[in-house]
C-alpha atoms as a PDB file:
ATOM      1  CA  UNK A   1      56.026  -9.262  44.798  1.00  0.00           C
ATOM      2  CA  UNK A   2      56.769 -11.465  41.704  1.00  0.00           C
ATOM      3  CA  UNK A   3      53.612 -13.308  41.966  1.00  0.00           C
ATOM      4  CA  UNK A   4      51.483 -10.023  42.280  1.00  0.00           C
ATOM      5  CA  UNK A   5      53.280  -8.638  39.163  1.00  0.00           C
ATOM      6  CA  UNK A   6      52.361 -11.722  37.084  1.00  0.00           C
ATOM      7  CA  UNK A   7      48.711 -11.613  38.046  1.00  0.00           C
ATOM      8  CA  UNK A   8      48.688  -7.877  37.176  1.00  0.00           C
ATOM      9  CA  UNK A   9      50.168  -8.763  33.872  1.00  0.00           C
ATOM     10  CA  UNK A  10      47.562 -11.392  33.252  1.00  0.00           C
ATOM     11  CA  UNK A  11      44.625  -9.124  34.162  1.00  0.00           C
ATOM     12  CA  UNK A  12      45.925  -6.504  32.051  1.00  0.00           C
ATOM     13  CA  UNK A  13      46.185  -9.060  29.242  1.00  0.00           C
ATOM     14  CA  UNK A  14      42.546 -10.316  29.361  1.00  0.00           C
ATOM     15  CA  UNK A  15      40.791  -7.146  30.298  1.00  0.00           C
ATOM     16  CA  UNK A  16      40.868  -5.573  26.688  1.00  0.00           C
ATOM     17  CA  UNK A  17      39.424  -9.036  25.469  1.00  0.00           C
ATOM     18  CA  UNK A  18      36.603  -9.088  27.942  1.00  0.00           C
ATOM     19  CA  UNK A  19      35.971  -5.637  27.273  1.00  0.00           C
ATOM     20  CA  UNK A  20      35.606  -5.927  23.550  1.00  0.00           C
ATOM     21  CA  UNK A  21      33.324  -9.266  23.789  1.00  0.00           C
ATOM     22  CA  UNK A  22      29.980  -7.499  24.120  1.00  0.00           C
ATOM     23  CA  UNK A  23      30.667  -4.945  21.469  1.00  0.00           C
ATOM     24  CA  UNK A  24      31.119  -7.901  18.814  1.00  0.00           C
ATOM     25  CA  UNK A  25      28.460 -10.133  20.055  1.00  0.00           C
ATOM     26  CA  UNK A  26      25.033 -10.504  18.481  1.00  0.00           C
ATOM     27  CA  UNK A  27      21.910 -11.197  20.355  1.00  0.00           C
ATOM     28  CA  UNK A  28      19.318 -13.615  19.244  1.00  0.00           C
ATOM     29  CA  UNK A  29      16.663 -11.019  20.407  1.00  0.00           C
ATOM     30  CA  UNK A  30      16.779  -7.265  20.082  1.00  0.00           C
ATOM     31  CA  UNK A  31      14.409  -4.422  20.798  1.00  0.00           C
ATOM     32  CA  UNK A  32      13.680  -1.158  19.261  1.00  0.00           C
ATOM     33  CA  UNK A  33      11.809   1.745  20.722  1.00  0.00           C
ATOM     34  CA  UNK A  34      10.299   5.085  19.503  1.00  0.00           C
ATOM     35  CA  UNK A  35      12.557   6.679  22.050  1.00  0.00           C
ATOM     36  CA  UNK A  36      15.551   4.428  21.420  1.00  0.00           C
ATOM     37  CA  UNK A  37      18.961   5.152  20.043  1.00  0.00           C
ATOM     38  CA  UNK A  38      21.008   3.047  17.724  1.00  0.00           C
ATOM     39  CA  UNK A  39      24.203   3.648  19.799  1.00  0.00           C
ATOM     40  CA  UNK A  40      22.545   1.271  22.201  1.00  0.00           C
ATOM     41  CA  UNK A  41      23.061  -2.419  22.328  1.00  0.00           C
ATOM     42  CA  UNK A  42      19.401  -2.939  21.497  1.00  0.00           C
ATOM     43  CA  UNK A  43      18.575  -4.791  24.616  1.00  0.00           C
ATOM     44  CA  UNK A  44      15.229  -4.348  26.382  1.00  0.00           C
ATOM     45  CA  UNK A  45      16.599  -1.879  28.739  1.00  0.00           C
ATOM     46  CA  UNK A  46      18.701  -0.079  26.066  1.00  0.00           C
ATOM     47  CA  UNK A  47      16.676  -0.423  22.799  1.00  0.00           C
ATOM     48  CA  UNK A  48      17.643   1.006  19.435  1.00  0.00           C
ATOM     49  CA  UNK A  49      15.912   3.638  17.282  1.00  0.00           C
ATOM     50  CA  UNK A  50      15.603   1.832  14.106  1.00  0.00           C
ATOM     51  CA  UNK A  51      15.312  -1.672  12.493  1.00  0.00           C
ATOM     52  CA  UNK A  52      18.529  -0.832  10.685  1.00  0.00           C
ATOM     53  CA  UNK A  53      20.302   0.041  13.736  1.00  0.00           C
ATOM     54  CA  UNK A  54      19.239  -3.342  15.360  1.00  0.00           C
ATOM     55  CA  UNK A  55      19.743  -5.663  12.606  1.00  0.00           C
ATOM     56  CA  UNK A  56      23.452  -5.383  12.747  1.00  0.00           C
ATOM     57  CA  UNK A  57      23.326  -6.456  16.564  1.00  0.00           C
ATOM     58  CA  UNK A  58      20.942  -9.363  15.781  1.00  0.00           C
ATOM     59  CA  UNK A  59      22.236 -12.738  15.108  1.00  0.00           C
ATOM     60  CA  UNK A  60      21.075 -14.588  11.959  1.00  0.00           C
ATOM     61  CA  UNK A  61      17.628 -16.490  12.544  1.00  0.00           C
ATOM     62  CA  UNK A  62      17.126 -13.787  15.489  1.00  0.00           C
ATOM     63  CA  UNK A  63      14.279 -11.528  16.231  1.00  0.00           C
ATOM     64  CA  UNK A  64      13.785  -7.886  16.496  1.00  0.00           C
ATOM     65  CA  UNK A  65      10.522  -6.712  18.515  1.00  0.00           C
ATOM     66  CA  UNK A  66       9.288  -3.412  19.380  1.00  0.00           C
ATOM     67  CA  UNK A  67       8.691  -2.061  22.884  1.00  0.00           C
ATOM     68  CA  UNK A  68       6.217   0.476  21.775  1.00  0.00           C
ATOM     69  CA  UNK A  69       4.876   2.437  18.860  1.00  0.00           C
ATOM     70  CA  UNK A  70       7.188   4.223  16.714  1.00  0.00           C
ATOM     71  CA  UNK A  71       8.710   4.920  13.319  1.00  0.00           C
ATOM     72  CA  UNK A  72      11.572   2.455  12.662  1.00  0.00           C
ATOM     73  CA  UNK A  73      12.672   3.167   9.325  1.00  0.00           C
ATOM     74  CA  UNK A  74      13.494   1.193   6.105  1.00  0.00           C
ATOM     75  CA  UNK A  75      15.764  -1.888   6.234  1.00  0.00           C
ATOM     76  CA  UNK A  76      17.581  -4.190   4.132  1.00  0.00           C
ATOM     77  CA  UNK A  77      17.677  -8.015   5.647  1.00  0.00           C
ATOM     78  CA  UNK A  78      20.461 -10.166   4.230  1.00  0.00           C
ATOM     79  CA  UNK A  79      20.130 -13.260   6.744  1.00  0.00           C
ATOM     80  CA  UNK A  80      17.344 -15.196   8.285  1.00  0.00           C
ATOM     81  CA  UNK A  81      15.265 -12.756  10.477  1.00  0.00           C
ATOM     82  CA  UNK A  82      12.162 -12.195  12.364  1.00  0.00           C
ATOM     83  CA  UNK A  83      10.750  -8.629  12.812  1.00  0.00           C
ATOM     84  CA  UNK A  84       7.641  -8.948  14.912  1.00  0.00           C
ATOM     85  CA  UNK A  85       5.921  -5.959  16.468  1.00  0.00           C
ATOM     86  CA  UNK A  86       2.582  -6.146  18.354  1.00  0.00           C
ATOM     87  CA  UNK A  87       2.966  -3.276  20.783  1.00  0.00           C
ATOM     88  CA  UNK A  88       1.165  -0.544  18.532  1.00  0.00           C
ATOM     89  CA  UNK A  89       2.045   0.970  15.446  1.00  0.00           C
ATOM     90  CA  UNK A  90       5.324  -0.277  13.866  1.00  0.00           C
ATOM     91  CA  UNK A  91       5.863   2.261  11.028  1.00  0.00           C
ATOM     92  CA  UNK A  92       7.949   1.970   8.144  1.00  0.00           C
ATOM     93  CA  UNK A  93       7.866   5.437   6.578  1.00  0.00           C
ATOM     94  CA  UNK A  94       9.796   5.727   3.277  1.00  0.00           C
ATOM     95  CA  UNK A  95       9.791   8.323   0.273  1.00  0.00           C
ATOM     96  CA  UNK A  96      11.440   7.481  -3.188  1.00  0.00           C
ATOM     97  CA  UNK A  97      12.936   4.042  -2.131  1.00  0.00           C
ATOM     98  CA  UNK A  98      11.964   0.521  -0.728  1.00  0.00           C
ATOM     99  CA  UNK A  99      10.338   0.002   2.625  1.00  0.00           C
ATOM    100  CA  UNK A 100      11.780  -3.556   3.451  1.00  0.00           C
ATOM    101  CA  UNK A 101      14.224  -5.275   1.201  1.00  0.00           C
ATOM    102  CA  UNK A 102      14.916  -9.037   1.574  1.00  0.00           C
ATOM    103  CA  UNK A 103      18.209 -10.186  -0.188  1.00  0.00           C
ATOM    104  CA  UNK A 104      19.598 -13.120   1.537  1.00  0.00           C
ATOM    105  CA  UNK A 105      20.939 -16.593   0.919  1.00  0.00           C
ATOM    106  CA  UNK A 106      19.029 -19.253  -0.896  1.00  0.00           C
ATOM    107  CA  UNK A 107      17.726 -21.184   2.337  1.00  0.00           C
ATOM    108  CA  UNK A 108      17.165 -17.993   4.431  1.00  0.00           C
ATOM    109  CA  UNK A 109      13.754 -16.693   5.526  1.00  0.00           C
ATOM    110  CA  UNK A 110      12.048 -13.537   6.588  1.00  0.00           C
ATOM    111  CA  UNK A 111       9.105 -13.280   8.925  1.00  0.00           C
ATOM    112  CA  UNK A 112       7.389  -9.915   9.185  1.00  0.00           C
ATOM    113  CA  UNK A 113       4.524  -9.211  11.493  1.00  0.00           C
ATOM    114  CA  UNK A 114       2.490  -6.342  12.799  1.00  0.00           C
ATOM    115  CA  UNK A 115       4.069  -3.454  10.416  1.00  0.00           C
ATOM    116  CA  UNK A 116       2.552  -0.435   8.836  1.00  0.00           C
ATOM    117  CA  UNK A 117       4.506   0.295   5.708  1.00  0.00           C
ATOM    118  CA  UNK A 118       3.849   3.642   4.166  1.00  0.00           C
ATOM    119  CA  UNK A 119       5.341   4.844   0.747  1.00  0.00           C
ATOM    120  CA  UNK A 120       3.941   8.417   0.852  1.00  0.00           C
ATOM    121  CA  UNK A 121       3.090   8.310  -3.036  1.00  0.00           C
ATOM    122  CA  UNK A 122       6.694   8.125  -4.016  1.00  0.00           C
ATOM    123  CA  UNK A 123       8.100   4.879  -2.323  1.00  0.00           C
ATOM    124  CA  UNK A 124       9.061   1.990  -4.905  1.00  0.00           C
ATOM    125  CA  UNK A 125       8.070  -1.238  -3.172  1.00  0.00           C
ATOM    126  CA  UNK A 126       6.612  -1.698   0.397  1.00  0.00           C
ATOM    127  CA  UNK A 127       8.436  -5.110   0.526  1.00  0.00           C
ATOM    128  CA  UNK A 128      10.921  -6.322  -1.969  1.00  0.00           C
ATOM    129  CA  UNK A 129      11.737 -10.122  -2.099  1.00  0.00           C
ATOM    130  CA  UNK A 130      14.929 -10.198  -4.370  1.00  0.00           C
ATOM    131  CA  UNK A 131      16.852 -13.237  -3.111  1.00  0.00           C
ATOM    132  CA  UNK A 132      16.177 -15.723  -0.337  1.00  0.00           C
ATOM    133  CA  UNK A 133      14.185 -18.914   0.388  1.00  0.00           C
ATOM    134  CA  UNK A 134      10.965 -17.970   1.950  1.00  0.00           C
ATOM    135  CA  UNK A 135       8.967 -14.912   2.899  1.00  0.00           C
ATOM    136  CA  UNK A 136       6.111 -14.687   5.409  1.00  0.00           C
ATOM    137  CA  UNK A 137       4.104 -11.492   6.012  1.00  0.00           C
ATOM    138  CA  UNK A 138       1.268 -11.445   8.606  1.00  0.00           C
ATOM    139  CA  UNK A 139      -1.015  -8.579  10.104  1.00  0.00           C
ATOM    140  CA  UNK A 140       0.755  -5.825   8.048  1.00  0.00           C
ATOM    141  CA  UNK A 141      -0.779  -2.929   6.146  1.00  0.00           C
ATOM    142  CA  UNK A 142       1.233  -1.696   3.108  1.00  0.00           C
ATOM    143  CA  UNK A 143       0.266   1.434   1.046  1.00  0.00           C
ATOM    144  CA  UNK A 144       0.896   4.159  -1.195  1.00  0.00           C
ATOM    145  CA  UNK A 145       3.937   2.791  -3.352  1.00  0.00           C
ATOM    146  CA  UNK A 146       4.368   3.398  -6.692  1.00  0.00           C
ATOM    147  CA  UNK A 147       5.315   0.160  -8.074  1.00  0.00           C
ATOM    148  CA  UNK A 148       4.025  -2.889  -5.778  1.00  0.00           C
ATOM    149  CA  UNK A 149       2.928  -3.363  -2.169  1.00  0.00           C
ATOM    150  CA  UNK A 150       4.637  -6.339  -2.070  1.00  0.00           C
ATOM    151  CA  UNK A 151       7.170  -7.544  -4.907  1.00  0.00           C
ATOM    152  CA  UNK A 152       8.394 -11.042  -5.126  1.00  0.00           C
ATOM    153  CA  UNK A 153      10.952 -11.344  -7.806  1.00  0.00           C
ATOM    154  CA  UNK A 154      13.515 -13.877  -6.169  1.00  0.00           C
ATOM    155  CA  UNK A 155      15.267 -16.447  -8.320  1.00  0.00           C
ATOM    156  CA  UNK A 156      15.574 -20.154  -7.691  1.00  0.00           C
ATOM    157  CA  UNK A 157      12.621 -22.165  -5.985  1.00  0.00           C
ATOM    158  CA  UNK A 158      11.230 -19.813  -3.140  1.00  0.00           C
ATOM    159  CA  UNK A 159       8.157 -19.754  -1.124  1.00  0.00           C
ATOM    160  CA  UNK A 160       5.891 -17.154   0.647  1.00  0.00           C
ATOM    161  CA  UNK A 161       2.870 -16.752   2.693  1.00  0.00           C
ATOM    162  CA  UNK A 162       1.097 -13.613   2.974  1.00  0.00           C
ATOM    163  CA  UNK A 163      -1.684 -13.700   5.785  1.00  0.00           C
ATOM    164  CA  UNK A 164      -4.134 -11.252   7.037  1.00  0.00           C
ATOM    165  CA  UNK A 165      -2.457  -8.254   5.345  1.00  0.00           C
ATOM    166  CA  UNK A 166      -4.039  -5.080   3.372  1.00  0.00           C
ATOM    167  CA  UNK A 167      -2.078  -3.725   0.449  1.00  0.00           C
ATOM    168  CA  UNK A 168      -4.021  -0.564  -0.501  1.00  0.00           C
ATOM    169  CA  UNK A 169      -3.550   2.329  -3.122  1.00  0.00           C
ATOM    170  CA  UNK A 170      -0.226   0.845  -4.635  1.00  0.00           C
ATOM    171  CA  UNK A 171       0.627   1.414  -8.481  1.00  0.00           C
ATOM    172  CA  UNK A 172       0.839   4.678 -10.302  1.00  0.00           C
ATOM    173  CA  UNK A 173      -2.420   4.259 -12.010  1.00  0.00           C
ATOM    174  CA  UNK A 174      -0.870   2.446 -15.154  1.00  0.00           C
ATOM    175  CA  UNK A 175       1.235   0.075 -13.539  1.00  0.00           C
ATOM    176  CA  UNK A 176       1.936  -1.602 -10.225  1.00  0.00           C
ATOM    177  CA  UNK A 177       0.330  -4.200  -8.020  1.00  0.00           C
ATOM    178  CA  UNK A 178      -0.815  -4.814  -4.441  1.00  0.00           C
ATOM    179  CA  UNK A 179       1.009  -8.064  -4.565  1.00  0.00           C
ATOM    180  CA  UNK A 180       3.159  -9.116  -7.576  1.00  0.00           C
ATOM    181  CA  UNK A 181       4.810 -12.410  -7.936  1.00  0.00           C
ATOM    182  CA  UNK A 182       7.137 -12.423 -10.832  1.00  0.00           C
ATOM    183  CA  UNK A 183      10.070 -14.744 -10.577  1.00  0.00           C
ATOM    184  CA  UNK A 184      12.824 -14.388 -13.317  1.00  0.00           C
ATOM    185  CA  UNK A 185      13.739 -16.789 -15.929  1.00  0.00           C
ATOM    186  CA  UNK A 186      14.550 -20.283 -14.301  1.00  0.00           C
ATOM    187  CA  UNK A 187      12.806 -19.489 -10.945  1.00  0.00           C
ATOM    188  CA  UNK A 188       9.852 -20.771  -9.329  1.00  0.00           C
ATOM    189  CA  UNK A 189       7.626 -19.001  -6.750  1.00  0.00           C
ATOM    190  CA  UNK A 190       4.992 -21.010  -4.632  1.00  0.00           C
ATOM    191  CA  UNK A 191       2.989 -19.513  -2.042  1.00  0.00           C
ATOM    192  CA  UNK A 192      -0.354 -18.921  -0.357  1.00  0.00           C
ATOM    193  CA  UNK A 193      -2.181 -15.626   0.012  1.00  0.00           C
ATOM    194  CA  UNK A 194      -5.076 -15.823   2.600  1.00  0.00           C
ATOM    195  CA  UNK A 195      -7.274 -13.234   4.121  1.00  0.00           C
ATOM    196  CA  UNK A 196      -5.857 -10.652   2.248  1.00  0.00           C
ATOM    197  CA  UNK A 197      -7.522  -7.208   1.219  1.00  0.00           C
ATOM    198  CA  UNK A 198      -6.324  -5.954  -2.145  1.00  0.00           C
ATOM    199  CA  UNK A 199      -8.013  -2.527  -2.440  1.00  0.00           C
ATOM    200  CA  UNK A 200      -7.534   0.485  -4.710  1.00  0.00           C
ATOM    201  CA  UNK A 201      -4.295  -0.673  -6.380  1.00  0.00           C
ATOM    202  CA  UNK A 202      -3.697  -0.678 -10.169  1.00  0.00           C
ATOM    203  CA  UNK A 203      -3.804  -4.424 -10.036  1.00  0.00           C
ATOM    204  CA  UNK A 204      -4.872  -6.211  -6.891  1.00  0.00           C
ATOM    205  CA  UNK A 205      -2.955  -9.611  -7.081  1.00  0.00           C
ATOM    206  CA  UNK A 206      -0.852 -10.650  -9.872  1.00  0.00           C
ATOM    207  CA  UNK A 207       0.742 -14.107 -10.812  1.00  0.00           C
ATOM    208  CA  UNK A 208       3.042 -13.136 -13.546  1.00  0.00           C
ATOM    209  CA  UNK A 209       5.147 -15.869 -15.189  1.00  0.00           C
ATOM    210  CA  UNK A 210       6.670 -14.137 -18.213  1.00  0.00           C
ATOM    211  CA  UNK A 211       9.979 -14.978 -16.694  1.00  0.00           C
ATOM    212  CA  UNK A 212       9.640 -18.116 -14.346  1.00  0.00           C
ATOM    213  CA  UNK A 213       6.983 -20.367 -12.778  1.00  0.00           C
ATOM    214  CA  UNK A 214       4.134 -19.097 -10.546  1.00  0.00           C
ATOM    215  CA  UNK A 215       2.025 -21.411  -8.353  1.00  0.00           C
ATOM    216  CA  UNK A 216      -0.234 -19.548  -6.072  1.00  0.00           C
ATOM    217  CA  UNK A 217      -3.205 -20.291  -3.885  1.00  0.00           C
ATOM    218  CA  UNK A 218      -5.398 -17.178  -3.042  1.00  0.00           C
ATOM    219  CA  UNK A 219      -8.184 -17.988  -0.530  1.00  0.00           C
ATOM    220  CA  UNK A 220     -10.702 -16.073   1.679  1.00  0.00           C
ATOM    221  CA  UNK A 221      -9.482 -12.815   0.304  1.00  0.00           C
ATOM    222  CA  UNK A 222     -10.936  -9.744  -1.297  1.00  0.00           C
ATOM    223  CA  UNK A 223      -9.884  -7.767  -4.242  1.00  0.00           C
ATOM    224  CA  UNK A 224     -11.871  -4.334  -4.478  1.00  0.00           C
ATOM    225  CA  UNK A 225     -11.947  -1.181  -6.584  1.00  0.00           C
ATOM    226  CA  UNK A 226      -8.571  -1.962  -8.358  1.00  0.00           C
ATOM    227  CA  UNK A 227      -7.940   0.330 -11.395  1.00  0.00           C
ATOM    228  CA  UNK A 228      -7.475  -2.433 -13.970  1.00  0.00           C
ATOM    229  CA  UNK A 229      -8.174  -5.865 -12.346  1.00  0.00           C
ATOM    230  CA  UNK A 230      -8.481  -7.703  -9.257  1.00  0.00           C
ATOM    231  CA  UNK A 231      -6.569 -10.835  -9.853  1.00  0.00           C
ATOM    232  CA  UNK A 232      -4.558 -11.511 -12.935  1.00  0.00           C
ATOM    233  CA  UNK A 233      -2.624 -14.735 -14.132  1.00  0.00           C
ATOM    234  CA  UNK A 234      -0.167 -14.149 -16.933  1.00  0.00           C
ATOM    235  CA  UNK A 235       1.958 -17.053 -18.644  1.00  0.00           C
ATOM    236  CA  UNK A 236       4.927 -16.591 -20.756  1.00  0.00           C
ATOM    237  CA  UNK A 237       8.318 -18.370 -20.582  1.00  0.00           C
ATOM    238  CA  UNK A 238       7.226 -19.913 -17.384  1.00  0.00           C
ATOM    239  CA  UNK A 239       3.705 -21.455 -16.422  1.00  0.00           C
ATOM    240  CA  UNK A 240       1.304 -19.638 -14.235  1.00  0.00           C
ATOM    241  CA  UNK A 241      -0.996 -21.721 -12.074  1.00  0.00           C
ATOM    242  CA  UNK A 242      -3.458 -19.713  -9.835  1.00  0.00           C
ATOM    243  CA  UNK A 243      -6.127 -21.027  -7.737  1.00  0.00           C
ATOM    244  CA  UNK A 244      -8.928 -18.638  -6.041  1.00  0.00           C
ATOM    245  CA  UNK A 245     -11.210 -20.011  -3.518  1.00  0.00           C
ATOM    246  CA  UNK A 246     -13.762 -18.168  -1.352  1.00  0.00           C
ATOM    247  CA  UNK A 247     -12.871 -14.721  -2.705  1.00  0.00           C
ATOM    248  CA  UNK A 248     -14.830 -11.506  -3.304  1.00  0.00           C
ATOM    249  CA  UNK A 249     -13.885  -9.541  -6.624  1.00  0.00           C
ATOM    250  CA  UNK A 250     -15.846  -6.522  -6.641  1.00  0.00           C
ATOM    251  CA  UNK A 251     -15.740  -2.876  -8.180  1.00  0.00           C
ATOM    252  CA  UNK A 252     -12.650  -3.628 -10.251  1.00  0.00           C
ATOM    253  CA  UNK A 253     -12.387  -2.726 -13.917  1.00  0.00           C
ATOM    254  CA  UNK A 254     -12.188  -6.386 -14.330  1.00  0.00           C
ATOM    255  CA  UNK A 255     -12.704  -8.828 -11.424  1.00  0.00           C
ATOM    256  CA  UNK A 256     -10.603 -12.032 -12.404  1.00  0.00           C
ATOM    257  CA  UNK A 257      -8.373 -11.998 -15.584  1.00  0.00           C
ATOM    258  CA  UNK A 258      -6.328 -14.694 -17.410  1.00  0.00           C
ATOM    259  CA  UNK A 259      -3.916 -12.834 -19.852  1.00  0.00           C
ATOM    260  CA  UNK A 260      -3.143 -16.226 -21.527  1.00  0.00           C
ATOM    261  CA  UNK A 261       0.357 -17.478 -22.510  1.00  0.00           C
ATOM    262  CA  UNK A 262       0.277 -20.729 -20.489  1.00  0.00           C
ATOM    263  CA  UNK A 263      -1.457 -19.387 -17.305  1.00  0.00           C
ATOM    264  CA  UNK A 264      -4.324 -21.425 -15.888  1.00  0.00           C
ATOM    265  CA  UNK A 265      -6.761 -19.891 -13.532  1.00  0.00           C
ATOM    266  CA  UNK A 266      -9.169 -21.629 -11.529  1.00  0.00           C
ATOM    267  CA  UNK A 267     -11.812 -20.248  -9.293  1.00  0.00           C
ATOM    268  CA  UNK A 268     -14.405 -21.766  -6.700  1.00  0.00           C
ATOM    269  CA  UNK A 269     -16.930 -20.662  -4.033  1.00  0.00           C
ATOM    270  CA  UNK A 270     -16.139 -17.067  -4.967  1.00  0.00           C
ATOM    271  CA  UNK A 271     -18.368 -13.967  -5.422  1.00  0.00           C
ATOM    272  CA  UNK A 272     -17.672 -11.700  -8.638  1.00  0.00           C
ATOM    273  CA  UNK A 273     -19.932  -8.752  -8.613  1.00  0.00           C
ATOM    274  CA  UNK A 274     -20.111  -5.006  -9.337  1.00  0.00           C
ATOM    275  CA  UNK A 275     -16.984  -5.177 -11.963  1.00  0.00           C
ATOM    276  CA  UNK A 276     -16.792  -3.525 -15.295  1.00  0.00           C
ATOM    277  CA  UNK A 277     -16.089  -7.064 -16.482  1.00  0.00           C
ATOM    278  CA  UNK A 278     -16.553 -10.035 -14.260  1.00  0.00           C
ATOM    279  CA  UNK A 279     -14.296 -12.742 -15.784  1.00  0.00           C
ATOM    280  CA  UNK A 280     -12.086 -12.374 -18.950  1.00  0.00           C
ATOM    281  CA  UNK A 281      -9.753 -14.612 -20.697  1.00  0.00           C
ATOM    282  CA  UNK A 282      -9.867 -18.399 -20.097  1.00  0.00           C
ATOM    283  CA  UNK A 283     -11.328 -18.760 -16.413  1.00  0.00           C
ATOM    284  CA  UNK A 284     -12.079 -22.153 -15.273  1.00  0.00           C
ATOM    285  CA  UNK A 285     -15.041 -22.467 -12.674  1.00  0.00           C
ATOM    286  CA  UNK A 286     -15.758 -25.366 -10.146  1.00  0.00           C
ATOM    287  CA  UNK A 287     -19.340 -24.464 -10.794  1.00  0.00           C
ATOM    288  CA  UNK A 288     -19.758 -22.883  -7.123  1.00  0.00           C
ATOM    289  CA  UNK A 289     -19.179 -19.260  -7.926  1.00  0.00           C
ATOM    290  CA  UNK A 290     -21.668 -16.261  -8.051  1.00  0.00           C
ATOM    291  CA  UNK A 291     -20.939 -14.430 -11.260  1.00  0.00           C
ATOM    292  CA  UNK A 292     -23.637 -11.679 -11.499  1.00  0.00           C
ATOM    293  CA  UNK A 293     -24.133  -7.892 -11.582  1.00  0.00           C
ATOM    294  CA  UNK A 294     -21.234  -6.825 -13.317  1.00  0.00           C
ATOM    295  CA  UNK A 295     -21.439  -4.418 -16.471  1.00  0.00           C
ATOM    296  CA  UNK A 296     -20.310  -7.424 -18.411  1.00  0.00           C
ATOM    297  CA  UNK A 297     -20.303 -10.883 -16.472  1.00  0.00           C
ATOM    298  CA  UNK A 298     -18.107 -12.622 -19.053  1.00  0.00           C
ATOM    299  CA  UNK A 299     -18.075 -16.419 -19.166  1.00  0.00           C
ATOM    300  CA  UNK A 300     -16.365 -19.258 -17.315  1.00  0.00           C
ATOM    301  CA  UNK A 301     -14.553 -21.067 -20.137  1.00  0.00           C
ATOM    302  CA  UNK A 302     -14.347 -24.431 -18.525  1.00  0.00           C
ATOM    303  CA  UNK A 303     -15.257 -26.330 -15.388  1.00  0.00           C
ATOM    304  CA  UNK A 304     -12.347 -28.449 -14.143  1.00  0.00           C
ATOM    305  CA  UNK A 305     -13.142 -31.808 -12.425  1.00  0.00           C
ATOM    306  CA  UNK A 306     -14.049 -31.772  -8.768  1.00  0.00           C
END
């Protein structure tokens, strides 16, 4: 009888611990669904409704996936994370705020794939990278934000890759950019932009070193119908090094523009046609470009060594 009592006591002691363990655990892979519920554990059989609901149940360096198309809402990411959705439209629809904010540790990363981020004409930034180590954006569409489609303003030394992505109709007509790389003083942002379409923004792609240093390679991309300029490099307190290869700049007010102030802008194997101004400022050519058919072609001012 005494043994039975001891067993019962032991079971009574451990049951609360066992019952609480799943509630506190974080999974390495979680799931969201258009018909999910954030009260769920975000498992494949009991998915959550939103990215914000899933992220607290996902371990650092874990992954959130989409089971089906849906609108999954804005989210702030504060740890290494992958959000990858290839099961149909994974929408992030916001008004008057940012779509996805990445604010994490100096060695953390954020990998985003397959997202449709819509700002409804009042959203601020589609993706805002303000702290962290590395941002990777792939197969995304980002549109209708008043400031930037993608804003990279993190301090320290950071990296980024933006691939197979469209930034469309971002900016308010006077300011704003499809992709804006603008680290603060003391910061350095290094990255690659490839197979990107920057269409109908205020500025298509900007490497802005008025604060920190910028080193950007842009290739196999198109900047079209942007209000002010397709590609812009601006130096300042930092240095801007922007390399453009195999790009198309057409139907912009200015195709490719160097705003000076310690900015170096090099262009090769690119077509610059149909713009108000083809090139403006100090733009170096590798001698393999087609600069023609603009209202004013402008002139490449130097030819770097091959």
